[in-house]
Amino acid sequence: MNIPPEQSLIEYPSDFPIKVMGRQDPTLAQVLTEVVLQFDPQFDPATVEMRPSRGGNYIGLTFTVRATSREQLDNLYRALHGHPMVAVVL
């Protein structure tokens, strides 16, 4: 589905936060950062925000990417959602 720019709720380019939740794993942030870099080569890994769940079993990560198109965001969401270490993508 192709949405004309004037009907999009997002102005491109813009900074866009993507929240991801996965099981606690010491490699999660690094592995998912590599996925994000495939879609936003200028992404700065130092900006990843991490929050452990209350019980400590999960970790929430926020990646603020430079969104340049709806297609880029859709492809990034699909790649993250399909990753075996990811439980939820928002």
PDB file of N, CA and C in Angstrom:
ATOM      1  N   MET A   1       0.845  -1.184   0.000  1.00  0.00           N
ATOM      2  CA  MET A   1       0.000   0.000   0.000  1.00  0.00           C
ATOM      3  C   MET A   1       0.887   1.243   0.000  1.00  0.00           C
ATOM      4  N   ASN A   2       0.702   2.086  -0.958  1.00  0.00           N
ATOM      5  CA  ASN A   2       1.511   3.288  -1.093  1.00  0.00           C
ATOM      6  C   ASN A   2       0.692   4.501  -0.647  1.00  0.00           C
ATOM      7  N   ILE A   3       1.130   5.149   0.406  1.00  0.00           N
ATOM      8  CA  ILE A   3       0.420   6.309   0.952  1.00  0.00           C
ATOM      9  C   ILE A   3       1.084   7.571   0.429  1.00  0.00           C
ATOM     10  N   PRO A   4       0.309   8.455  -0.204  1.00  0.00           N
ATOM     11  CA  PRO A   4       0.894   9.715  -0.680  1.00  0.00           C
ATOM     12  C   PRO A   4       1.436  10.529   0.497  1.00  0.00           C
ATOM     13  N   PRO A   5       2.549  11.256   0.287  1.00  0.00           N
ATOM     14  CA  PRO A   5       3.163  12.027   1.382  1.00  0.00           C
ATOM     15  C   PRO A   5       2.190  12.957   2.102  1.00  0.00           C
ATOM     16  N   GLU A   6       1.253  13.539   1.384  1.00  0.00           N
ATOM     17  CA  GLU A   6       0.321  14.478   2.030  1.00  0.00           C
ATOM     18  C   GLU A   6      -0.677  13.778   2.948  1.00  0.00           C
ATOM     19  N   GLN A   7      -0.804  12.448   2.844  1.00  0.00           N
ATOM     20  CA  GLN A   7      -1.716  11.696   3.711  1.00  0.00           C
ATOM     21  C   GLN A   7      -0.976  10.968   4.838  1.00  0.00           C
ATOM     22  N   SER A   8       0.327  11.027   4.847  1.00  0.00           N
ATOM     23  CA  SER A   8       1.118  10.358   5.874  1.00  0.00           C
ATOM     24  C   SER A   8       1.081  11.157   7.169  1.00  0.00           C
ATOM     25  N   LEU A   9       1.097  10.448   8.274  1.00  0.00           N
ATOM     26  CA  LEU A   9       1.153  11.108   9.582  1.00  0.00           C
ATOM     27  C   LEU A   9       2.591  11.442   9.973  1.00  0.00           C
ATOM     28  N   ILE A  10       3.539  10.932   9.192  1.00  0.00           N
ATOM     29  CA  ILE A  10       4.954  11.155   9.451  1.00  0.00           C
ATOM     30  C   ILE A  10       5.522  12.013   8.338  1.00  0.00           C
ATOM     31  N   GLU A  11       6.293  13.020   8.724  1.00  0.00           N
ATOM     32  CA  GLU A  11       7.009  13.835   7.735  1.00  0.00           C
ATOM     33  C   GLU A  11       8.382  13.235   7.541  1.00  0.00           C
ATOM     34  N   TYR A  12       8.761  13.042   6.296  1.00  0.00           N
ATOM     35  CA  TYR A  12      10.075  12.473   5.999  1.00  0.00           C
ATOM     36  C   TYR A  12      10.987  13.550   5.457  1.00  0.00           C
ATOM     37  N   PRO A  13      12.250  13.527   5.810  1.00  0.00           N
ATOM     38  CA  PRO A  13      12.872  12.681   6.827  1.00  0.00           C
ATOM     39  C   PRO A  13      12.562  13.188   8.227  1.00  0.00           C
ATOM     40  N   SER A  14      12.592  12.279   9.188  1.00  0.00           N
ATOM     41  CA  SER A  14      12.394  12.655  10.592  1.00  0.00           C
ATOM     42  C   SER A  14      12.977  11.569  11.493  1.00  0.00           C
ATOM     43  N   ASP A  15      13.227  11.941  12.733  1.00  0.00           N
ATOM     44  CA  ASP A  15      13.688  10.968  13.719  1.00  0.00           C
ATOM     45  C   ASP A  15      12.469  10.217  14.234  1.00  0.00           C
ATOM     46  N   PHE A  16      12.566   8.888  14.251  1.00  0.00           N
ATOM     47  CA  PHE A  16      11.410   8.054  14.569  1.00  0.00           C
ATOM     48  C   PHE A  16      11.819   6.965  15.564  1.00  0.00           C
ATOM     49  N   PRO A  17      11.199   6.934  16.752  1.00  0.00           N
ATOM     50  CA  PRO A  17      11.551   5.905  17.741  1.00  0.00           C
ATOM     51  C   PRO A  17      10.850   4.580  17.451  1.00  0.00           C
ATOM     52  N   ILE A  18      11.600   3.508  17.549  1.00  0.00           N
ATOM     53  CA  ILE A  18      11.056   2.155  17.414  1.00  0.00           C
ATOM     54  C   ILE A  18      11.388   1.417  18.697  1.00  0.00           C
ATOM     55  N   LYS A  19      10.349   0.907  19.352  1.00  0.00           N
ATOM     56  CA  LYS A  19      10.542   0.193  20.617  1.00  0.00           C
ATOM     57  C   LYS A  19      10.481  -1.310  20.359  1.00  0.00           C
ATOM     58  N   VAL A  20      11.437  -2.013  20.943  1.00  0.00           N
ATOM     59  CA  VAL A  20      11.555  -3.458  20.761  1.00  0.00           C
ATOM     60  C   VAL A  20      11.701  -4.096  22.138  1.00  0.00           C
ATOM     61  N   MET A  21      11.032  -5.234  22.326  1.00  0.00           N
ATOM     62  CA  MET A  21      11.184  -5.958  23.574  1.00  0.00           C
ATOM     63  C   MET A  21      11.617  -7.386  23.264  1.00  0.00           C
ATOM     64  N   GLY A  22      12.578  -7.867  24.032  1.00  0.00           N
ATOM     65  CA  GLY A  22      13.056  -9.238  23.878  1.00  0.00           C
ATOM     66  C   GLY A  22      13.481  -9.797  25.211  1.00  0.00           C
ATOM     67  N   ARG A  23      13.690 -11.107  25.243  1.00  0.00           N
ATOM     68  CA  ARG A  23      14.175 -11.748  26.469  1.00  0.00           C
ATOM     69  C   ARG A  23      15.548 -11.187  26.829  1.00  0.00           C
ATOM     70  N   GLN A  24      15.809 -11.108  28.107  1.00  0.00           N
ATOM     71  CA  GLN A  24      17.103 -10.606  28.596  1.00  0.00           C
ATOM     72  C   GLN A  24      18.223 -11.455  27.996  1.00  0.00           C
ATOM     73  N   ASP A  25      19.123 -10.816  27.293  1.00  0.00           N
ATOM     74  CA  ASP A  25      20.258 -11.489  26.662  1.00  0.00           C
ATOM     75  C   ASP A  25      21.355 -10.444  26.505  1.00  0.00           C
ATOM     76  N   PRO A  26      22.591 -10.761  26.913  1.00  0.00           N
ATOM     77  CA  PRO A  26      23.653  -9.763  26.844  1.00  0.00           C
ATOM     78  C   PRO A  26      23.997  -9.311  25.420  1.00  0.00           C
ATOM     79  N   THR A  27      23.573 -10.066  24.410  1.00  0.00           N
ATOM     80  CA  THR A  27      23.882  -9.695  23.023  1.00  0.00           C
ATOM     81  C   THR A  27      22.725  -9.020  22.303  1.00  0.00           C
ATOM     82  N   LEU A  28      21.571  -8.910  22.953  1.00  0.00           N
ATOM     83  CA  LEU A  28      20.365  -8.399  22.282  1.00  0.00           C
ATOM     84  C   LEU A  28      20.570  -7.028  21.649  1.00  0.00           C
ATOM     85  N   ALA A  29      21.074  -6.063  22.401  1.00  0.00           N
ATOM     86  CA  ALA A  29      21.239  -4.705  21.874  1.00  0.00           C
ATOM     87  C   ALA A  29      22.180  -4.685  20.670  1.00  0.00           C
ATOM     88  N   GLN A  30      23.284  -5.395  20.759  1.00  0.00           N
ATOM     89  CA  GLN A  30      24.254  -5.418  19.663  1.00  0.00           C
ATOM     90  C   GLN A  30      23.664  -6.076  18.412  1.00  0.00           C
ATOM     91  N   VAL A  31      23.013  -7.206  18.588  1.00  0.00           N
ATOM     92  CA  VAL A  31      22.440  -7.933  17.451  1.00  0.00           C
ATOM     93  C   VAL A  31      21.375  -7.090  16.755  1.00  0.00           C
ATOM     94  N   LEU A  32      20.494  -6.468  17.531  1.00  0.00           N
ATOM     95  CA  LEU A  32      19.424  -5.675  16.922  1.00  0.00           C
ATOM     96  C   LEU A  32      19.947  -4.361  16.351  1.00  0.00           C
ATOM     97  N   THR A  33      21.011  -3.820  16.932  1.00  0.00           N
ATOM     98  CA  THR A  33      21.634  -2.629  16.361  1.00  0.00           C
ATOM     99  C   THR A  33      22.142  -2.938  14.957  1.00  0.00           C
ATOM    100  N   GLU A  34      22.680  -4.112  14.760  1.00  0.00           N
ATOM    101  CA  GLU A  34      23.159  -4.510  13.432  1.00  0.00           C
ATOM    102  C   GLU A  34      22.008  -4.574  12.427  1.00  0.00           C
ATOM    103  N   VAL A  35      20.840  -5.011  12.880  1.00  0.00           N
ATOM    104  CA  VAL A  35      19.655  -5.025  12.009  1.00  0.00           C
ATOM    105  C   VAL A  35      19.266  -3.591  11.655  1.00  0.00           C
ATOM    106  N   VAL A  36      19.206  -2.725  12.652  1.00  0.00           N
ATOM    107  CA  VAL A  36      18.829  -1.326  12.425  1.00  0.00           C
ATOM    108  C   VAL A  36      19.794  -0.650  11.453  1.00  0.00           C
ATOM    109  N   LEU A  37      21.076  -0.918  11.595  1.00  0.00           N
ATOM    110  CA  LEU A  37      22.074  -0.292  10.725  1.00  0.00           C
ATOM    111  C   LEU A  37      21.895  -0.675   9.249  1.00  0.00           C
ATOM    112  N   GLN A  38      21.283  -1.803   8.987  1.00  0.00           N
ATOM    113  CA  GLN A  38      21.008  -2.194   7.602  1.00  0.00           C
ATOM    114  C   GLN A  38      20.023  -1.235   6.941  1.00  0.00           C
ATOM    115  N   PHE A  39      19.152  -0.628   7.736  1.00  0.00           N
ATOM    116  CA  PHE A  39      18.118   0.257   7.211  1.00  0.00           C
ATOM    117  C   PHE A  39      18.418   1.735   7.444  1.00  0.00           C
ATOM    118  N   ASP A  40      19.281   2.013   8.403  1.00  0.00           N
ATOM    119  CA  ASP A  40      19.712   3.383   8.694  1.00  0.00           C
ATOM    120  C   ASP A  40      21.215   3.355   8.981  1.00  0.00           C
ATOM    121  N   PRO A  41      22.038   3.405   7.922  1.00  0.00           N
ATOM    122  CA  PRO A  41      23.496   3.300   8.101  1.00  0.00           C
ATOM    123  C   PRO A  41      24.099   4.400   8.971  1.00  0.00           C
ATOM    124  N   GLN A  42      23.401   5.504   9.155  1.00  0.00           N
ATOM    125  CA  GLN A  42      23.901   6.606   9.983  1.00  0.00           C
ATOM    126  C   GLN A  42      23.489   6.476  11.451  1.00  0.00           C
ATOM    127  N   PHE A  43      22.744   5.410  11.788  1.00  0.00           N
ATOM    128  CA  PHE A  43      22.280   5.217  13.161  1.00  0.00           C
ATOM    129  C   PHE A  43      23.467   5.156  14.128  1.00  0.00           C
ATOM    130  N   ASP A  44      23.341   5.860  15.247  1.00  0.00           N
ATOM    131  CA  ASP A  44      24.393   5.893  16.264  1.00  0.00           C
ATOM    132  C   ASP A  44      24.054   4.889  17.367  1.00  0.00           C
ATOM    133  N   PRO A  45      24.787   3.777  17.457  1.00  0.00           N
ATOM    134  CA  PRO A  45      24.497   2.762  18.479  1.00  0.00           C
ATOM    135  C   PRO A  45      24.530   3.299  19.913  1.00  0.00           C
ATOM    136  N   ALA A  46      25.250   4.385  20.145  1.00  0.00           N
ATOM    137  CA  ALA A  46      25.321   4.956  21.499  1.00  0.00           C
ATOM    138  C   ALA A  46      23.983   5.540  21.946  1.00  0.00           C
ATOM    139  N   THR A  47      23.033   5.715  21.028  1.00  0.00           N
ATOM    140  CA  THR A  47      21.746   6.313  21.377  1.00  0.00           C
ATOM    141  C   THR A  47      20.680   5.287  21.764  1.00  0.00           C
ATOM    142  N   VAL A  48      21.014   4.000  21.723  1.00  0.00           N
ATOM    143  CA  VAL A  48      20.033   2.971  22.084  1.00  0.00           C
ATOM    144  C   VAL A  48      19.671   3.135  23.561  1.00  0.00           C
ATOM    145  N   GLU A  49      18.382   3.211  23.825  1.00  0.00           N
ATOM    146  CA  GLU A  49      17.898   3.295  25.205  1.00  0.00           C
ATOM    147  C   GLU A  49      17.489   1.894  25.647  1.00  0.00           C
ATOM    148  N   MET A  50      17.905   1.493  26.859  1.00  0.00           N
ATOM    149  CA  MET A  50      17.593   0.161  27.376  1.00  0.00           C
ATOM    150  C   MET A  50      16.890   0.266  28.721  1.00  0.00           C
ATOM    151  N   ARG A  51      15.818  -0.527  28.870  1.00  0.00           N
ATOM    152  CA  ARG A  51      15.085  -0.581  30.122  1.00  0.00           C
ATOM    153  C   ARG A  51      14.727  -2.032  30.439  1.00  0.00           C
ATOM    154  N   PRO A  52      15.236  -2.561  31.557  1.00  0.00           N
ATOM    155  CA  PRO A  52      14.860  -3.934  31.934  1.00  0.00           C
ATOM    156  C   PRO A  52      13.417  -3.970  32.445  1.00  0.00           C
ATOM    157  N   SER A  53      12.771  -5.103  32.266  1.00  0.00           N
ATOM    158  CA  SER A  53      11.422  -5.275  32.806  1.00  0.00           C
ATOM    159  C   SER A  53      11.498  -5.361  34.325  1.00  0.00           C
ATOM    160  N   ARG A  54      10.366  -5.213  34.949  1.00  0.00           N
ATOM    161  CA  ARG A  54      10.325  -5.244  36.414  1.00  0.00           C
ATOM    162  C   ARG A  54      10.882  -6.553  36.963  1.00  0.00           C
ATOM    163  N   GLY A  55      10.555  -7.656  36.310  1.00  0.00           N
ATOM    164  CA  GLY A  55      11.030  -8.960  36.774  1.00  0.00           C
ATOM    165  C   GLY A  55      12.419  -9.311  36.284  1.00  0.00           C
ATOM    166  N   GLY A  56      12.958  -8.506  35.373  1.00  0.00           N
ATOM    167  CA  GLY A  56      14.301  -8.748  34.882  1.00  0.00           C
ATOM    168  C   GLY A  56      14.407  -9.813  33.797  1.00  0.00           C
ATOM    169  N   ASN A  57      13.275 -10.346  33.343  1.00  0.00           N
ATOM    170  CA  ASN A  57      13.311 -11.384  32.312  1.00  0.00           C
ATOM    171  C   ASN A  57      13.380 -10.819  30.899  1.00  0.00           C
ATOM    172  N   TYR A  58      12.934  -9.589  30.727  1.00  0.00           N
ATOM    173  CA  TYR A  58      12.895  -8.948  29.409  1.00  0.00           C
ATOM    174  C   TYR A  58      13.649  -7.629  29.458  1.00  0.00           C
ATOM    175  N   ILE A  59      13.987  -7.153  28.275  1.00  0.00           N
ATOM    176  CA  ILE A  59      14.590  -5.823  28.177  1.00  0.00           C
ATOM    177  C   ILE A  59      13.907  -5.082  27.039  1.00  0.00           C
ATOM    178  N   GLY A  60      13.609  -3.818  27.283  1.00  0.00           N
ATOM    179  CA  GLY A  60      13.035  -2.959  26.256  1.00  0.00           C
ATOM    180  C   GLY A  60      14.123  -2.079  25.667  1.00  0.00           C
ATOM    181  N   LEU A  61      14.163  -2.000  24.355  1.00  0.00           N
ATOM    182  CA  LEU A  61      15.146  -1.175  23.654  1.00  0.00           C
ATOM    183  C   LEU A  61      14.412  -0.160  22.803  1.00  0.00           C
ATOM    184  N   THR A  62      14.913   1.054  22.762  1.00  0.00           N
ATOM    185  CA  THR A  62      14.372   2.072  21.865  1.00  0.00           C
ATOM    186  C   THR A  62      15.472   2.502  20.909  1.00  0.00           C
ATOM    187  N   PHE A  63      15.184   2.355  19.622  1.00  0.00           N
ATOM    188  CA  PHE A  63      16.083   2.775  18.556  1.00  0.00           C
ATOM    189  C   PHE A  63      15.446   3.980  17.875  1.00  0.00           C
ATOM    190  N   THR A  64      16.075   5.133  17.922  1.00  0.00           N
ATOM    191  CA  THR A  64      15.549   6.303  17.223  1.00  0.00           C
ATOM    192  C   THR A  64      16.295   6.413  15.903  1.00  0.00           C
ATOM    193  N   VAL A  65      15.586   6.051  14.831  1.00  0.00           N
ATOM    194  CA  VAL A  65      16.183   6.009  13.495  1.00  0.00           C
ATOM    195  C   VAL A  65      15.815   7.263  12.709  1.00  0.00           C
ATOM    196  N   ARG A  66      16.573   7.515  11.678  1.00  0.00           N
ATOM    197  CA  ARG A  66      16.262   8.611  10.755  1.00  0.00           C
ATOM    198  C   ARG A  66      15.389   8.013   9.668  1.00  0.00           C
ATOM    199  N   ALA A  67      14.091   8.251   9.769  1.00  0.00           N
ATOM    200  CA  ALA A  67      13.133   7.709   8.811  1.00  0.00           C
ATOM    201  C   ALA A  67      13.144   8.554   7.549  1.00  0.00           C
ATOM    202  N   THR A  68      13.389   7.896   6.426  1.00  0.00           N
ATOM    203  CA  THR A  68      13.438   8.613   5.152  1.00  0.00           C
ATOM    204  C   THR A  68      12.258   8.266   4.256  1.00  0.00           C
ATOM    205  N   SER A  69      11.538   7.172   4.569  1.00  0.00           N
ATOM    206  CA  SER A  69      10.373   6.791   3.768  1.00  0.00           C
ATOM    207  C   SER A  69       9.531   5.769   4.520  1.00  0.00           C
ATOM    208  N   ARG A  70       8.297   5.642   4.098  1.00  0.00           N
ATOM    209  CA  ARG A  70       7.404   4.627   4.664  1.00  0.00           C
ATOM    210  C   ARG A  70       7.957   3.233   4.373  1.00  0.00           C
ATOM    211  N   GLU A  71       8.488   3.056   3.185  1.00  0.00           N
ATOM    212  CA  GLU A  71       9.050   1.761   2.794  1.00  0.00           C
ATOM    213  C   GLU A  71      10.205   1.360   3.715  1.00  0.00           C
ATOM    214  N   GLN A  72      11.076   2.301   4.038  1.00  0.00           N
ATOM    215  CA  GLN A  72      12.195   2.022   4.931  1.00  0.00           C
ATOM    216  C   GLN A  72      11.681   1.561   6.300  1.00  0.00           C
ATOM    217  N   LEU A  73      10.707   2.292   6.857  1.00  0.00           N
ATOM    218  CA  LEU A  73      10.166   1.933   8.168  1.00  0.00           C
ATOM    219  C   LEU A  73       9.470   0.573   8.125  1.00  0.00           C
ATOM    220  N   ASP A  74       8.673   0.323   7.086  1.00  0.00           N
ATOM    221  CA  ASP A  74       7.986  -0.959   6.969  1.00  0.00           C
ATOM    222  C   ASP A  74       8.982  -2.110   6.908  1.00  0.00           C
ATOM    223  N   ASN A  75      10.037  -1.943   6.126  1.00  0.00           N
ATOM    224  CA  ASN A  75      11.048  -2.995   6.001  1.00  0.00           C
ATOM    225  C   ASN A  75      11.794  -3.217   7.310  1.00  0.00           C
ATOM    226  N   LEU A  76      12.091  -2.140   8.018  1.00  0.00           N
ATOM    227  CA  LEU A  76      12.763  -2.263   9.313  1.00  0.00           C
ATOM    228  C   LEU A  76      11.860  -2.967  10.320  1.00  0.00           C
ATOM    229  N   TYR A  77      10.590  -2.585  10.382  1.00  0.00           N
ATOM    230  CA  TYR A  77       9.644  -3.246  11.280  1.00  0.00           C
ATOM    231  C   TYR A  77       9.559  -4.741  10.972  1.00  0.00           C
ATOM    232  N   ARG A  78       9.484  -5.093   9.700  1.00  0.00           N
ATOM    233  CA  ARG A  78       9.406  -6.509   9.313  1.00  0.00           C
ATOM    234  C   ARG A  78      10.669  -7.268   9.746  1.00  0.00           C
ATOM    235  N   ALA A  79      11.828  -6.663   9.527  1.00  0.00           N
ATOM    236  CA  ALA A  79      13.088  -7.318   9.900  1.00  0.00           C
ATOM    237  C   ALA A  79      13.173  -7.528  11.409  1.00  0.00           C
ATOM    238  N   LEU A  80      12.786  -6.519  12.183  1.00  0.00           N
ATOM    239  CA  LEU A  80      12.831  -6.652  13.640  1.00  0.00           C
ATOM    240  C   LEU A  80      11.785  -7.654  14.128  1.00  0.00           C
ATOM    241  N   HIS A  81      10.575  -7.554  13.608  1.00  0.00           N
ATOM    242  CA  HIS A  81       9.483  -8.431  14.034  1.00  0.00           C
ATOM    243  C   HIS A  81       9.808  -9.897  13.730  1.00  0.00           C
ATOM    244  N   GLY A  82      10.494 -10.156  12.638  1.00  0.00           N
ATOM    245  CA  GLY A  82      10.826 -11.511  12.248  1.00  0.00           C
ATOM    246  C   GLY A  82      12.072 -12.067  12.919  1.00  0.00           C
ATOM    247  N   HIS A  83      12.774 -11.261  13.683  1.00  0.00           N
ATOM    248  CA  HIS A  83      14.011 -11.705  14.325  1.00  0.00           C
ATOM    249  C   HIS A  83      13.675 -12.640  15.491  1.00  0.00           C
ATOM    250  N   PRO A  84      14.376 -13.755  15.617  1.00  0.00           N
ATOM    251  CA  PRO A  84      14.051 -14.720  16.676  1.00  0.00           C
ATOM    252  C   PRO A  84      14.263 -14.220  18.107  1.00  0.00           C
ATOM    253  N   MET A  85      15.056 -13.158  18.303  1.00  0.00           N
ATOM    254  CA  MET A  85      15.290 -12.654  19.650  1.00  0.00           C
ATOM    255  C   MET A  85      14.239 -11.633  20.080  1.00  0.00           C
ATOM    256  N   VAL A  86      13.354 -11.254  19.165  1.00  0.00           N
ATOM    257  CA  VAL A  86      12.380 -10.178  19.428  1.00  0.00           C
ATOM    258  C   VAL A  86      11.020 -10.754  19.796  1.00  0.00           C
ATOM    259  N   ALA A  87      10.442 -10.230  20.878  1.00  0.00           N
ATOM    260  CA  ALA A  87       9.098 -10.621  21.289  1.00  0.00           C
ATOM    261  C   ALA A  87       8.049  -9.645  20.773  1.00  0.00           C
ATOM    262  N   VAL A  88       8.351  -8.333  20.836  1.00  0.00           N
ATOM    263  CA  VAL A  88       7.385  -7.288  20.461  1.00  0.00           C
ATOM    264  C   VAL A  88       8.114  -6.136  19.800  1.00  0.00           C
ATOM    265  N   VAL A  89       7.466  -5.537  18.773  1.00  0.00           N
ATOM    266  CA  VAL A  89       7.979  -4.315  18.137  1.00  0.00           C
ATOM    267  C   VAL A  89       6.839  -3.314  18.136  1.00  0.00           C
ATOM    268  N   LEU A  90       7.111  -2.104  18.617  1.00  0.00           N
ATOM    269  CA  LEU A  90       6.103  -1.024  18.629  1.00  0.00           C
ATOM    270  C   LEU A  90       6.638   0.168  17.882  1.00  0.00           C
TER     271      LEU A  90
END
